[in-house]
Protein backbone atom coordinates (compact mmCIF):
# COMPACT_ATOMS: atom_id res chain seq x y z
CA UNK A 1 67.04 88.75 89.99
CA UNK A 2 68.08 90.43 93.21
CA UNK A 3 70.36 88.41 95.49
CA UNK A 4 71.17 89.26 99.09
CA UNK A 5 74.77 88.10 99.53
CA UNK A 6 76.67 87.59 102.77
CA UNK A 7 80.13 89.13 102.28
CA UNK A 8 81.62 87.23 105.22
CA UNK A 9 83.25 88.63 108.37
CA UNK A 10 85.96 90.69 106.69
CA UNK A 11 88.73 88.73 104.99
CA UNK A 12 88.02 88.91 101.27
CA UNK A 13 88.61 85.18 100.74
CA UNK A 14 85.90 84.30 103.28
CA UNK A 15 83.07 85.19 100.94
CA UNK A 16 81.44 81.98 99.70
CA UNK A 17 82.20 80.61 96.24
CA UNK A 18 78.59 81.30 95.24
CA UNK A 19 78.74 84.83 96.61
CA UNK A 20 81.95 85.49 94.72
CA UNK A 21 80.40 84.29 91.45
CA UNK A 22 77.33 86.46 91.98
CA UNK A 23 79.47 89.49 92.70
CA UNK A 24 81.54 88.97 89.55
CA UNK A 25 78.46 88.70 87.33
CA UNK A 26 76.41 91.54 88.87
CA UNK A 27 75.25 94.55 86.88
CA UNK A 28 74.47 96.51 90.07
CA UNK A 29 75.95 96.11 93.57
CA UNK A 30 74.66 97.86 96.67
CA UNK A 31 77.12 97.22 99.52
CA UNK A 32 76.96 97.92 103.24
CA UNK A 33 79.43 100.78 103.57
CA UNK A 34 82.47 100.47 105.85
CA UNK A 35 81.32 97.07 107.14
CA UNK A 36 82.16 95.27 103.88
CA UNK A 37 85.79 94.83 102.86
CA UNK A 38 86.22 97.21 99.87
CA UNK A 39 88.63 94.69 98.29
CA UNK A 40 85.55 92.61 97.42
CA UNK A 41 84.36 95.37 95.09
CA UNK A 42 87.46 94.83 92.95
CA UNK A 43 85.83 91.56 91.89
CA UNK A 44 83.04 93.48 90.17
CA UNK A 45 83.05 94.11 86.44
CA UNK A 46 84.37 97.49 85.29
CA UNK A 47 80.91 98.46 84.06
CA UNK A 48 79.18 97.41 87.29
CA UNK A 49 77.11 100.14 88.94
CA UNK A 50 78.14 100.35 92.63
CA UNK A 51 76.19 102.02 95.44
CA UNK A 52 77.17 102.50 99.12
CA UNK A 53 74.07 101.90 101.25
CA UNK A 54 75.64 103.65 104.26
CA UNK A 55 74.73 106.88 102.51
CA UNK A 56 71.22 105.76 101.50
CA UNK A 57 67.79 105.36 103.05
CA UNK A 58 65.69 102.23 102.61
CA UNK A 59 63.58 104.05 100.05
CA UNK A 60 66.66 104.99 98.02
CA UNK A 61 67.91 101.39 98.08
CA UNK A 62 64.50 100.20 96.91
CA UNK A 63 64.49 102.68 94.05
CA UNK A 64 67.75 101.15 92.77
CA UNK A 65 66.20 97.69 93.11
CA UNK A 66 63.04 98.67 91.22
CA UNK A 67 64.89 100.42 88.41
CA UNK A 68 67.41 97.58 88.04
CA UNK A 69 64.69 94.94 88.03
CA UNK A 70 62.72 96.86 85.38
CA UNK A 71 65.87 96.98 83.22
CA UNK A 72 66.47 93.25 83.66
CA UNK A 73 69.71 93.73 85.60
CA UNK A 74 71.39 91.25 87.94
CA UNK A 75 71.56 92.97 91.32
CA UNK A 76 73.63 92.01 94.39
CA UNK A 77 72.78 93.48 97.79
CA UNK A 78 76.07 92.88 99.62
CA UNK A 79 75.71 92.67 103.39
CA UNK A 80 78.39 92.06 105.99
CA UNK A 81 78.75 88.61 107.57
CA UNK A 82 75.56 86.63 107.05
CA UNK A 83 72.61 88.87 106.14
CA UNK A 84 70.24 87.06 108.51
CA UNK A 85 71.93 88.69 111.53
CA UNK A 86 71.30 92.41 111.99
CA UNK A 87 71.15 92.84 108.23
CA UNK A 88 67.77 94.64 108.10
CA UNK A 89 66.89 92.54 105.04
CA UNK A 90 63.32 91.58 105.95
CA UNK A 91 61.95 95.03 105.15
CA UNK A 92 63.78 94.97 101.81
CA UNK A 93 62.43 91.51 100.93
CA UNK A 94 58.89 92.44 101.93
CA UNK A 95 59.01 95.50 99.66
CA UNK A 96 60.26 93.36 96.76
CA UNK A 97 57.55 90.78 97.42
CA UNK A 98 54.88 93.49 97.25
CA UNK A 99 56.19 94.50 93.82
CA UNK A 100 56.41 90.90 92.62
CA UNK A 101 60.17 91.15 92.14
CA UNK A 102 62.15 87.91 92.45
CA UNK A 103 64.92 87.67 95.03
CA UNK A 104 67.01 85.06 96.81
CA UNK A 105 69.58 84.86 99.60
CA UNK A 106 73.18 83.66 99.45
CA UNK A 107 74.28 83.00 103.05
CA UNK A 108 77.64 84.11 104.36
CA UNK A 109 80.11 83.45 107.17
CA UNK A 110 79.06 85.48 110.20
CA UNK A 111 81.50 87.54 112.22
CA UNK A 112 80.58 85.50 115.30
CA UNK A 113 82.17 82.52 113.53
CA UNK A 114 85.15 84.69 112.62
CA UNK A 115 85.50 85.71 116.27
CA UNK A 116 85.53 82.08 117.43
CA UNK A 117 88.27 81.34 114.88
CA UNK A 118 90.28 84.33 116.11
CA UNK A 119 89.90 83.13 119.70
CA UNK A 120 90.59 79.50 118.70
CA UNK A 121 87.56 78.68 120.82
CA UNK A 122 84.58 76.34 120.57
CA UNK A 123 81.43 78.05 121.79
CA UNK A 124 79.70 74.78 122.76
CA UNK A 125 81.98 72.82 125.09
CA UNK A 126 80.63 69.68 126.82
CA UNK A 127 79.67 70.30 130.48
CA UNK A 128 80.34 74.05 130.09
CA UNK A 129 77.85 75.46 127.59
CA UNK A 130 75.72 73.90 124.88
CA UNK A 131 73.97 77.10 123.82
CA UNK A 132 75.04 80.37 122.22
CA UNK A 133 73.07 83.57 122.76
CA UNK A 134 73.57 86.11 119.96
CA UNK A 135 72.28 89.49 121.06
CA UNK A 136 73.05 93.18 121.51
CA UNK A 137 72.64 95.93 124.05
CA UNK A 138 69.71 98.30 123.84
CA UNK A 139 71.02 101.64 122.62
CA UNK A 140 69.54 104.15 120.20
CA UNK A 141 67.32 101.31 119.03
CA UNK A 142 65.59 99.19 121.70
CA UNK A 143 65.44 95.44 122.23
CA UNK A 144 62.45 93.62 123.73
CA UNK A 145 62.63 93.61 127.55
CA UNK A 146 62.39 89.81 127.61
CA UNK A 147 65.63 89.77 125.57
CA UNK A 148 67.66 92.08 127.76
CA UNK A 149 71.28 91.21 128.48
CA UNK A 150 70.33 90.78 132.12
CA UNK A 151 67.64 88.24 131.24
CA UNK A 152 69.96 86.21 129.00
CA UNK A 153 72.81 86.32 131.55
CA UNK A 154 70.71 84.20 133.92
CA UNK A 155 71.24 81.22 131.59
CA UNK A 156 75.05 81.36 131.93
CA UNK A 157 75.38 80.27 128.30
CA UNK A 158 78.03 81.47 125.91
CA UNK A 159 77.05 84.96 124.82
CA UNK A 160 78.11 86.84 121.68
CA UNK A 161 77.18 90.51 121.83
CA UNK A 162 76.98 92.56 118.64
CA UNK A 163 76.75 96.34 118.17
CA UNK A 164 77.63 97.21 121.77
CA UNK A 165 81.26 98.36 121.87
CA UNK A 166 80.24 101.88 122.85
CA UNK A 167 78.20 100.60 125.81
CA UNK A 168 80.68 98.39 127.63
CA UNK A 169 80.24 99.92 131.09
CA UNK A 170 76.50 99.31 130.87
CA UNK A 171 77.08 95.85 129.37
CA UNK A 172 79.28 94.79 132.29
CA UNK A 173 76.66 95.94 134.79
CA UNK A 174 73.87 94.10 132.97
CA UNK A 175 75.91 90.89 132.74
CA UNK A 176 76.84 90.98 136.43
CA UNK A 177 73.33 91.94 137.58
CA UNK A 178 72.01 89.07 135.48
CA UNK A 179 74.19 86.40 137.07
CA UNK A 180 77.70 86.35 135.59
CA UNK A 181 80.40 86.84 138.23
CA UNK A 182 82.74 89.81 137.68
CA UNK A 183 85.65 87.45 136.95
CA UNK A 184 83.79 85.53 134.22
CA UNK A 185 86.11 85.28 131.19
CA UNK A 186 85.31 87.62 128.32
CA UNK A 187 86.92 88.76 125.10
CA UNK A 188 86.73 91.66 122.71
CA UNK A 189 87.42 90.72 119.09
CA UNK A 190 87.97 93.78 116.93
CA UNK A 191 87.38 93.36 113.17
CA UNK A 192 87.54 89.55 113.20
CA UNK A 193 89.44 88.13 110.17
CA UNK A 194 90.45 91.61 108.89
CA UNK A 195 94.20 92.37 108.65
CA UNK A 196 93.85 94.75 111.61
CA UNK A 197 92.12 92.13 113.82
CA UNK A 198 92.69 92.44 117.58
CA UNK A 199 91.89 89.76 120.16
CA UNK A 200 91.65 91.16 123.68
CA UNK A 201 90.99 88.75 126.53
CA UNK A 202 89.62 90.13 129.76
CA UNK A 203 86.80 89.58 132.25
CA UNK A 204 83.22 90.77 132.39
CA UNK A 205 84.28 93.41 134.92
CA UNK A 206 87.15 94.79 132.81
CA UNK A 207 85.46 95.06 129.40
CA UNK A 208 85.36 98.86 129.27
CA UNK A 209 88.87 99.29 130.63
CA UNK A 210 90.28 96.78 128.13
CA UNK A 211 88.61 98.47 125.16
CA UNK A 212 89.73 101.92 126.29
CA UNK A 213 93.33 100.81 126.83
CA UNK A 214 93.44 99.32 123.32
CA UNK A 215 91.52 102.15 121.63
CA UNK A 216 88.67 99.92 120.47
CA UNK A 217 85.52 101.98 119.99
CA UNK A 218 83.48 100.11 117.36
CA UNK A 219 83.38 97.15 114.94
CA UNK A 220 84.00 94.58 117.67
CA UNK A 221 82.21 91.58 119.11
CA UNK A 222 82.05 90.80 122.81
CA UNK A 223 82.22 87.14 123.81
CA UNK A 224 81.33 86.09 127.35
CA UNK A 225 81.37 82.70 129.05
CA UNK A 226 83.29 79.93 130.76
CA UNK A 227 84.13 78.35 127.39
CA UNK A 228 86.97 80.90 127.30
CA UNK A 229 88.60 79.17 130.28
CA UNK A 230 89.35 76.04 128.26
CA UNK A 231 88.25 73.43 130.81
CA UNK A 232 85.65 70.90 129.65
CA UNK A 233 84.68 67.24 129.52
CA UNK A 234 85.68 65.07 126.59
CA UNK A 235 83.05 64.86 123.86
CA UNK A 236 81.03 61.65 123.79
CA UNK A 237 80.99 61.71 119.99
CA UNK A 238 84.53 60.34 119.67
CA UNK A 239 84.69 58.48 122.99
CA UNK A 240 85.61 54.81 122.26
CA UNK A 241 83.04 53.67 124.86
CA UNK A 242 80.19 55.62 123.25
CA UNK A 243 78.02 53.89 120.65
CA UNK A 244 76.88 55.88 117.62
CA UNK A 245 75.01 55.04 114.43
CA UNK A 246 78.33 54.37 112.74
CA UNK A 247 80.45 52.84 115.49
CA UNK A 248 79.83 50.44 118.38
CA UNK A 249 81.33 51.49 121.69
CA UNK A 250 83.87 49.23 123.35
CA UNK A 251 83.48 48.69 127.08
CA UNK A 252 86.55 48.84 129.26
């Protein structure tokens, strides 16, 4: 069996219990280079075969899969965060499916959740934003035009931007051209949940300057939106006047 395991956002104790058990029992582990906390590899058995996929092509990863499956080995493909986000796992799963090799997915805690925890922020505040856009800037690899930062900015939702720390000047321009005002609150969260985590609060206009001043060049998430201001309406869920399936509201 091959299992795609989400390693979590960084802190070694934020891997799931299931992921931890799979890692400890694996015969072969292929992990996502510098993105995965190397302390997690200490959980592996001494005789576990460990590969760093940062140094491998897709074809080389697949060769390890095929050989391990043929030998009846338990294989863990260890991805950062949750593998469903920017994990490039679909092409791996499709190749396994073509070969008739069994696989499954063990979800993980995404870094966008880790960033919210670092910011002590709720992304979906009543009357402010009830939607979260998870996206990235177009860089060496493109994104569909309909999913450009500028297009998403028109919605004024909370936005979490991955893989874009080296493009902050362009990101600011796209956000402002799309509808965010220059003074819209923003934050840069560097290596969320890692020991070296940095939380840098700024505005849409000052993203590049803030990153440069704090020497942040990669491995950071950008969060944009009015939820960072902290003003919101009280949730109806726990309002004493609001009736739910489990509790009848009391009128004043």
